[in-house]
């Protein structure tokens, strides 16, 4: 088998400002680096597990005005923070990431550059002198 890794994510019903405050007080200023993805205001009881709600990228300047709908991605940065979303898409995202890390793309073979010592002899019959 391969190396198994654990992916940690946070899905909360809290708004971004409250969750950030709480997580910073609990884990410190670098808390975000602990998680692959963070989903705020997930509406877990009213849609996260039963709808196909889009993921909305958190606007770092004002999380309450976030409106850009995006395909989520994984990463230990604030760039991978979203509002709403849905469990099915999050599951697919982790499955795709798992498949990519278990079966990385194979490098394409490249032609070796011909070396001067292995070049074929010239077919020309004339010879030149320096």
N, C-alpha and C. Protein backbone atom coordinates (compact mmCIF):
# COMPACT_ATOMS: atom_id res chain seq x y z
N UNK A 1 0.78 -1.17 0.00
CA UNK A 1 0.00 0.00 0.00
C UNK A 1 0.84 1.26 0.00
N UNK A 2 0.16 2.37 -0.10
CA UNK A 2 0.83 3.67 -0.10
C UNK A 2 0.76 4.32 1.26
N UNK A 3 1.27 5.49 1.32
CA UNK A 3 1.23 6.25 2.56
C UNK A 3 -0.17 6.83 2.72
N UNK A 4 -0.73 6.64 3.88
CA UNK A 4 -2.06 7.19 4.17
C UNK A 4 -1.88 8.52 4.86
N UNK A 5 -2.63 9.50 4.43
CA UNK A 5 -2.58 10.80 5.07
C UNK A 5 -3.97 11.18 5.53
N UNK A 6 -4.02 11.98 6.53
CA UNK A 6 -5.30 12.46 7.06
C UNK A 6 -5.53 13.88 6.57
N UNK A 7 -6.71 14.12 6.10
CA UNK A 7 -7.12 15.45 5.66
C UNK A 7 -8.11 15.98 6.68
N UNK A 8 -7.80 17.12 7.24
CA UNK A 8 -8.64 17.72 8.26
C UNK A 8 -9.39 18.90 7.63
N UNK A 9 -10.69 18.97 7.86
CA UNK A 9 -11.48 20.07 7.33
C UNK A 9 -12.44 20.55 8.40
N UNK A 10 -12.91 21.76 8.24
CA UNK A 10 -13.85 22.35 9.19
C UNK A 10 -15.10 22.76 8.43
N UNK A 11 -16.23 22.27 8.87
CA UNK A 11 -17.53 22.69 8.33
C UNK A 11 -18.34 23.16 9.53
N UNK A 12 -18.73 24.43 9.51
CA UNK A 12 -19.43 25.02 10.64
C UNK A 12 -20.65 25.81 10.18
N UNK A 13 -21.62 25.90 11.05
CA UNK A 13 -22.78 26.75 10.77
C UNK A 13 -22.50 28.21 11.10
N UNK A 14 -21.38 28.46 11.79
CA UNK A 14 -21.03 29.82 12.20
C UNK A 14 -20.62 30.68 11.02
N UNK A 15 -20.82 31.98 11.18
CA UNK A 15 -20.32 32.93 10.19
C UNK A 15 -18.80 33.01 10.31
N UNK A 16 -18.14 33.47 9.27
CA UNK A 16 -16.68 33.49 9.20
C UNK A 16 -16.05 34.32 10.32
N UNK A 17 -16.60 35.48 10.62
CA UNK A 17 -15.96 36.32 11.64
C UNK A 17 -15.98 35.66 13.01
N UNK A 18 -17.10 35.05 13.39
CA UNK A 18 -17.18 34.38 14.69
C UNK A 18 -16.30 33.14 14.71
N UNK A 19 -16.34 32.33 13.66
CA UNK A 19 -15.52 31.12 13.61
C UNK A 19 -14.04 31.46 13.64
N UNK A 20 -13.63 32.49 12.89
CA UNK A 20 -12.22 32.91 12.91
C UNK A 20 -11.80 33.35 14.31
N UNK A 21 -12.64 34.12 14.97
CA UNK A 21 -12.35 34.58 16.33
C UNK A 21 -12.18 33.38 17.27
N UNK A 22 -13.11 32.48 17.24
CA UNK A 22 -13.09 31.31 18.11
C UNK A 22 -11.88 30.41 17.82
N UNK A 23 -11.62 30.16 16.55
CA UNK A 23 -10.50 29.28 16.18
C UNK A 23 -9.15 29.92 16.54
N UNK A 24 -9.04 31.23 16.37
CA UNK A 24 -7.79 31.92 16.70
C UNK A 24 -7.55 31.86 18.21
N UNK A 25 -8.59 32.05 19.00
CA UNK A 25 -8.46 31.98 20.46
C UNK A 25 -8.13 30.55 20.92
N UNK A 26 -8.63 29.57 20.20
CA UNK A 26 -8.42 28.17 20.58
C UNK A 26 -7.08 27.63 20.08
N UNK A 27 -6.74 27.90 18.81
CA UNK A 27 -5.57 27.28 18.18
C UNK A 27 -4.44 28.25 17.84
N UNK A 28 -4.66 29.55 17.97
CA UNK A 28 -3.64 30.54 17.64
C UNK A 28 -3.87 31.15 16.27
N UNK A 29 -3.05 32.16 15.98
CA UNK A 29 -3.21 32.92 14.73
C UNK A 29 -3.04 32.08 13.47
N UNK A 30 -2.28 31.02 13.53
CA UNK A 30 -2.03 30.18 12.35
C UNK A 30 -2.98 28.98 12.27
N UNK A 31 -4.14 29.08 12.90
CA UNK A 31 -5.07 27.96 12.94
C UNK A 31 -5.46 27.48 11.55
N UNK A 32 -5.55 28.38 10.60
CA UNK A 32 -6.03 28.03 9.26
C UNK A 32 -5.13 27.00 8.58
N UNK A 33 -3.84 27.00 8.92
CA UNK A 33 -2.91 26.06 8.30
C UNK A 33 -3.17 24.62 8.73
N UNK A 34 -4.02 24.41 9.70
CA UNK A 34 -4.35 23.05 10.16
C UNK A 34 -5.36 22.35 9.26
N UNK A 35 -6.08 23.12 8.46
CA UNK A 35 -7.22 22.58 7.71
C UNK A 35 -7.02 22.69 6.20
N UNK A 36 -7.45 21.66 5.49
CA UNK A 36 -7.39 21.65 4.02
C UNK A 36 -8.44 22.59 3.42
N UNK A 37 -9.57 22.67 4.09
CA UNK A 37 -10.67 23.49 3.59
C UNK A 37 -11.54 23.88 4.78
N UNK A 38 -12.10 25.07 4.69
CA UNK A 38 -13.02 25.55 5.73
C UNK A 38 -14.30 25.99 5.05
N UNK A 39 -15.42 25.54 5.58
CA UNK A 39 -16.73 25.93 5.05
C UNK A 39 -17.51 26.57 6.19
N UNK A 40 -17.79 27.86 6.03
CA UNK A 40 -18.55 28.62 7.03
C UNK A 40 -20.02 28.66 6.62
N UNK A 41 -20.87 28.96 7.57
CA UNK A 41 -22.30 29.11 7.34
C UNK A 41 -22.83 28.01 6.42
N UNK A 42 -22.50 26.80 6.81
CA UNK A 42 -22.81 25.64 5.97
C UNK A 42 -24.28 25.26 5.95
N UNK A 43 -25.05 25.75 6.88
CA UNK A 43 -26.48 25.40 6.94
C UNK A 43 -26.64 23.88 7.02
N UNK A 44 -25.89 23.26 7.92
CA UNK A 44 -25.88 21.80 8.02
C UNK A 44 -27.27 21.23 8.29
N UNK A 45 -28.08 21.90 9.05
CA UNK A 45 -29.42 21.38 9.32
C UNK A 45 -30.43 21.73 8.25
N UNK A 46 -30.07 22.64 7.32
CA UNK A 46 -31.02 23.13 6.34
C UNK A 46 -30.48 23.09 4.92
N UNK A 47 -29.58 22.19 4.61
CA UNK A 47 -29.17 22.13 3.23
C UNK A 47 -27.81 21.56 2.90
N UNK A 48 -26.84 21.65 3.78
CA UNK A 48 -25.50 21.20 3.44
C UNK A 48 -25.49 19.72 3.04
N UNK A 49 -26.28 18.91 3.72
CA UNK A 49 -26.30 17.47 3.45
C UNK A 49 -27.40 17.06 2.47
N UNK A 50 -28.28 17.99 2.10
CA UNK A 50 -29.41 17.59 1.26
C UNK A 50 -29.57 18.41 -0.02
N UNK A 51 -28.69 19.37 -0.27
CA UNK A 51 -28.82 20.17 -1.48
C UNK A 51 -27.52 20.18 -2.25
N UNK A 52 -27.54 20.82 -3.38
CA UNK A 52 -26.34 21.02 -4.19
C UNK A 52 -25.94 22.49 -4.18
N UNK A 53 -26.01 23.12 -3.02
CA UNK A 53 -25.68 24.54 -2.91
C UNK A 53 -24.24 24.78 -3.37
N UNK A 54 -24.04 25.89 -4.06
CA UNK A 54 -22.71 26.25 -4.53
C UNK A 54 -21.82 26.67 -3.38
N UNK A 55 -20.52 26.52 -3.60
CA UNK A 55 -19.53 27.06 -2.67
C UNK A 55 -19.28 28.50 -3.07
N UNK A 56 -19.27 29.37 -2.10
CA UNK A 56 -19.04 30.79 -2.33
C UNK A 56 -17.72 31.15 -1.67
N UNK A 57 -16.82 31.71 -2.46
CA UNK A 57 -15.50 32.08 -1.95
C UNK A 57 -15.64 33.20 -0.93
N UNK A 58 -14.98 33.03 0.22
CA UNK A 58 -15.03 34.04 1.26
C UNK A 58 -14.26 35.27 0.81
N UNK A 59 -14.91 36.41 0.91
CA UNK A 59 -14.27 37.68 0.64
C UNK A 59 -13.53 38.07 1.92
N UNK A 60 -12.19 38.08 1.86
CA UNK A 60 -11.38 38.33 3.05
C UNK A 60 -11.64 39.71 3.66
N UNK A 61 -12.00 40.68 2.83
CA UNK A 61 -12.25 42.04 3.34
C UNK A 61 -13.58 42.12 4.09
N UNK A 62 -14.58 41.42 3.58
CA UNK A 62 -15.88 41.43 4.23
C UNK A 62 -16.60 40.11 3.96
N UNK A 63 -16.43 39.14 4.86
CA UNK A 63 -17.03 37.82 4.63
C UNK A 63 -18.55 37.83 4.48
N UNK A 64 -19.20 38.91 4.98
CA UNK A 64 -20.66 38.98 4.87
C UNK A 64 -21.13 39.36 3.48
N UNK A 65 -20.23 39.83 2.63
CA UNK A 65 -20.63 40.20 1.27
C UNK A 65 -20.11 39.22 0.22
N UNK A 66 -19.63 38.07 0.66
CA UNK A 66 -19.12 37.09 -0.30
C UNK A 66 -20.22 36.67 -1.26
N UNK A 67 -19.87 36.61 -2.57
CA UNK A 67 -20.89 36.23 -3.55
C UNK A 67 -20.33 35.47 -4.73
N UNK A 68 -19.01 35.31 -4.83
CA UNK A 68 -18.40 34.65 -5.98
C UNK A 68 -18.52 33.13 -5.84
N UNK A 69 -19.33 32.53 -6.72
CA UNK A 69 -19.52 31.08 -6.69
C UNK A 69 -18.36 30.42 -7.43
N UNK A 70 -17.74 29.42 -6.77
CA UNK A 70 -16.54 28.80 -7.32
C UNK A 70 -16.55 27.30 -7.09
N UNK A 71 -15.67 26.61 -7.81
CA UNK A 71 -15.42 25.21 -7.52
C UNK A 71 -14.40 25.18 -6.39
N UNK A 72 -14.69 24.49 -5.30
CA UNK A 72 -13.76 24.51 -4.17
C UNK A 72 -12.45 23.79 -4.49
N UNK A 73 -11.41 24.17 -3.77
CA UNK A 73 -10.13 23.50 -3.89
C UNK A 73 -9.55 23.32 -2.50
N UNK A 74 -8.59 22.43 -2.39
CA UNK A 74 -7.96 22.15 -1.11
C UNK A 74 -6.66 22.93 -0.96
N UNK A 75 -6.32 23.25 0.25
CA UNK A 75 -5.07 23.92 0.55
C UNK A 75 -5.12 24.50 1.95
N UNK A 76 -3.98 24.62 2.56
CA UNK A 76 -3.91 25.09 3.94
C UNK A 76 -3.83 26.61 4.02
N UNK A 77 -4.59 27.31 3.22
CA UNK A 77 -4.56 28.77 3.21
C UNK A 77 -5.98 29.32 3.25
N UNK A 78 -6.08 30.59 3.53
CA UNK A 78 -7.39 31.25 3.55
C UNK A 78 -8.04 31.24 2.19
N UNK A 79 -7.27 31.03 1.13
CA UNK A 79 -7.84 30.95 -0.22
C UNK A 79 -8.83 29.79 -0.34
N UNK A 80 -8.72 28.81 0.53
CA UNK A 80 -9.59 27.64 0.48
C UNK A 80 -10.64 27.72 1.59
N UNK A 81 -11.27 28.89 1.69
CA UNK A 81 -12.33 29.13 2.65
C UNK A 81 -13.59 29.53 1.90
N UNK A 82 -14.71 28.92 2.30
CA UNK A 82 -15.95 29.09 1.54
C UNK A 82 -17.13 29.30 2.46
N UNK A 83 -18.21 29.78 1.89
CA UNK A 83 -19.49 29.92 2.56
C UNK A 83 -20.44 28.95 1.87
N UNK A 84 -21.31 28.31 2.66
CA UNK A 84 -22.32 27.37 2.16
C UNK A 84 -21.66 26.15 1.53
N UNK A 85 -22.05 25.73 0.34
CA UNK A 85 -21.53 24.51 -0.25
C UNK A 85 -22.40 23.32 0.09
N UNK A 86 -21.91 22.12 -0.24
CA UNK A 86 -22.69 20.92 0.02
C UNK A 86 -21.78 19.72 0.23
N UNK A 87 -22.30 18.75 0.96
CA UNK A 87 -21.52 17.57 1.36
C UNK A 87 -21.10 16.73 0.16
N UNK A 88 -21.97 16.58 -0.84
CA UNK A 88 -21.63 15.74 -2.00
C UNK A 88 -20.42 16.29 -2.74
N UNK A 89 -20.40 17.60 -2.99
CA UNK A 89 -19.27 18.20 -3.70
C UNK A 89 -17.99 18.12 -2.86
N UNK A 90 -18.11 18.29 -1.56
CA UNK A 90 -16.95 18.19 -0.68
C UNK A 90 -16.39 16.77 -0.69
N UNK A 91 -17.26 15.80 -0.66
CA UNK A 91 -16.84 14.39 -0.72
C UNK A 91 -16.13 14.11 -2.04
N UNK A 92 -16.71 14.57 -3.16
CA UNK A 92 -16.07 14.37 -4.47
C UNK A 92 -14.69 15.03 -4.53
N UNK A 93 -14.58 16.22 -3.95
CA UNK A 93 -13.31 16.94 -3.94
C UNK A 93 -12.23 16.11 -3.23
N UNK A 94 -12.56 15.55 -2.08
CA UNK A 94 -11.60 14.73 -1.36
C UNK A 94 -11.30 13.43 -2.10
N UNK A 95 -12.30 12.84 -2.74
CA UNK A 95 -12.06 11.62 -3.53
C UNK A 95 -11.14 11.89 -4.70
N UNK A 96 -11.38 12.99 -5.42
CA UNK A 96 -10.52 13.36 -6.55
C UNK A 96 -9.09 13.60 -6.09
N UNK A 97 -8.93 14.31 -4.99
CA UNK A 97 -7.60 14.60 -4.45
C UNK A 97 -6.91 13.31 -4.04
N UNK A 98 -7.66 12.40 -3.43
CA UNK A 98 -7.10 11.12 -3.01
C UNK A 98 -6.63 10.30 -4.21
N UNK A 99 -7.43 10.27 -5.27
CA UNK A 99 -7.04 9.54 -6.49
C UNK A 99 -5.81 10.15 -7.12
N UNK A 100 -5.72 11.47 -7.13
CA UNK A 100 -4.56 12.14 -7.72
C UNK A 100 -3.29 11.86 -6.94
N UNK A 101 -3.39 11.79 -5.62
CA UNK A 101 -2.19 11.55 -4.82
C UNK A 101 -1.81 10.08 -4.82
N UNK A 102 -2.78 9.18 -4.97
CA UNK A 102 -2.48 7.75 -5.03
C UNK A 102 -1.98 7.34 -6.41
N UNK A 103 -2.44 7.99 -7.44
CA UNK A 103 -2.06 7.68 -8.81
C UNK A 103 -1.59 8.95 -9.51
N UNK A 104 -0.41 9.45 -9.12
CA UNK A 104 0.05 10.69 -9.77
C UNK A 104 0.27 10.46 -11.25
N UNK A 105 0.11 11.49 -12.07
CA UNK A 105 0.32 11.32 -13.51
C UNK A 105 1.76 10.88 -13.78
N UNK A 106 1.88 9.94 -14.71
CA UNK A 106 3.21 9.46 -15.07
C UNK A 106 3.88 10.47 -15.98
N UNK A 107 5.19 10.70 -15.75
CA UNK A 107 5.87 11.64 -16.64
C UNK A 107 5.92 11.08 -18.05
N UNK A 108 5.85 11.94 -19.02
CA UNK A 108 5.92 11.49 -20.40
C UNK A 108 7.38 11.26 -20.77
N UNK A 109 7.65 10.17 -21.48
CA UNK A 109 9.05 9.91 -21.85
C UNK A 109 9.55 10.97 -22.83
N UNK A 110 10.79 11.32 -22.67
CA UNK A 110 11.38 12.31 -23.57
C UNK A 110 12.49 11.65 -24.37
N UNK A 111 12.71 12.14 -25.55
CA UNK A 111 13.78 11.62 -26.41
C UNK A 111 15.12 12.11 -25.88
N UNK A 112 16.09 11.23 -25.71
CA UNK A 112 17.40 11.71 -25.29
C UNK A 112 18.04 12.51 -26.42
N UNK A 113 18.74 13.55 -26.02
CA UNK A 113 19.43 14.38 -27.02
C UNK A 113 20.60 13.59 -27.60
N UNK A 114 20.76 13.60 -28.92
CA UNK A 114 21.88 12.84 -29.51
C UNK A 114 23.20 13.48 -29.08
N UNK A 115 24.14 12.60 -28.75
CA UNK A 115 25.47 13.11 -28.38
C UNK A 115 26.35 13.11 -29.62
N UNK A 116 27.40 13.91 -29.60
CA UNK A 116 28.27 14.04 -30.78
C UNK A 116 29.03 12.76 -31.07
N UNK A 117 29.26 11.93 -30.04
CA UNK A 117 30.02 10.71 -30.29
C UNK A 117 29.17 9.60 -30.89
N UNK A 118 27.84 9.74 -30.79
CA UNK A 118 26.99 8.67 -31.31
C UNK A 118 26.31 9.07 -32.61
N UNK A 119 26.73 10.16 -33.25
CA UNK A 119 26.09 10.57 -34.49
C UNK A 119 26.52 9.63 -35.61
N UNK A 120 25.63 9.32 -36.53
CA UNK A 120 25.95 8.39 -37.60
C UNK A 120 27.00 9.01 -38.55
N UNK A 121 27.80 8.17 -39.17
CA UNK A 121 28.81 8.69 -40.10
C UNK A 121 28.14 9.36 -41.27
N UNK A 122 28.80 10.34 -41.80
CA UNK A 122 28.28 11.09 -42.93
C UNK A 122 28.27 10.22 -44.17
N UNK A 123 27.26 10.38 -45.02
CA UNK A 123 27.18 9.59 -46.24
C UNK A 123 27.96 10.24 -47.38
N UNK A 124 28.49 11.38 -47.12
CA UNK A 124 29.24 12.09 -48.15
C UNK A 124 30.60 11.41 -48.37
N UNK A 125 31.02 11.27 -49.62
CA UNK A 125 32.28 10.59 -49.92
C UNK A 125 33.44 11.58 -50.02
N UNK A 126 33.13 12.84 -50.05
CA UNK A 126 34.25 13.79 -50.17
C UNK A 126 34.78 14.09 -48.79
N UNK A 127 35.99 14.39 -48.68
CA UNK A 127 36.60 14.72 -47.42
C UNK A 127 37.15 16.12 -47.51
N UNK A 128 37.17 16.77 -46.43
CA UNK A 128 37.72 18.12 -46.42
C UNK A 128 38.91 18.15 -45.46
N UNK A 129 39.84 18.98 -45.77
CA UNK A 129 41.00 19.10 -44.91
C UNK A 129 41.00 20.49 -44.30
N UNK A 130 41.53 20.64 -43.10
CA UNK A 130 41.52 21.94 -42.45
C UNK A 130 42.39 22.94 -43.10
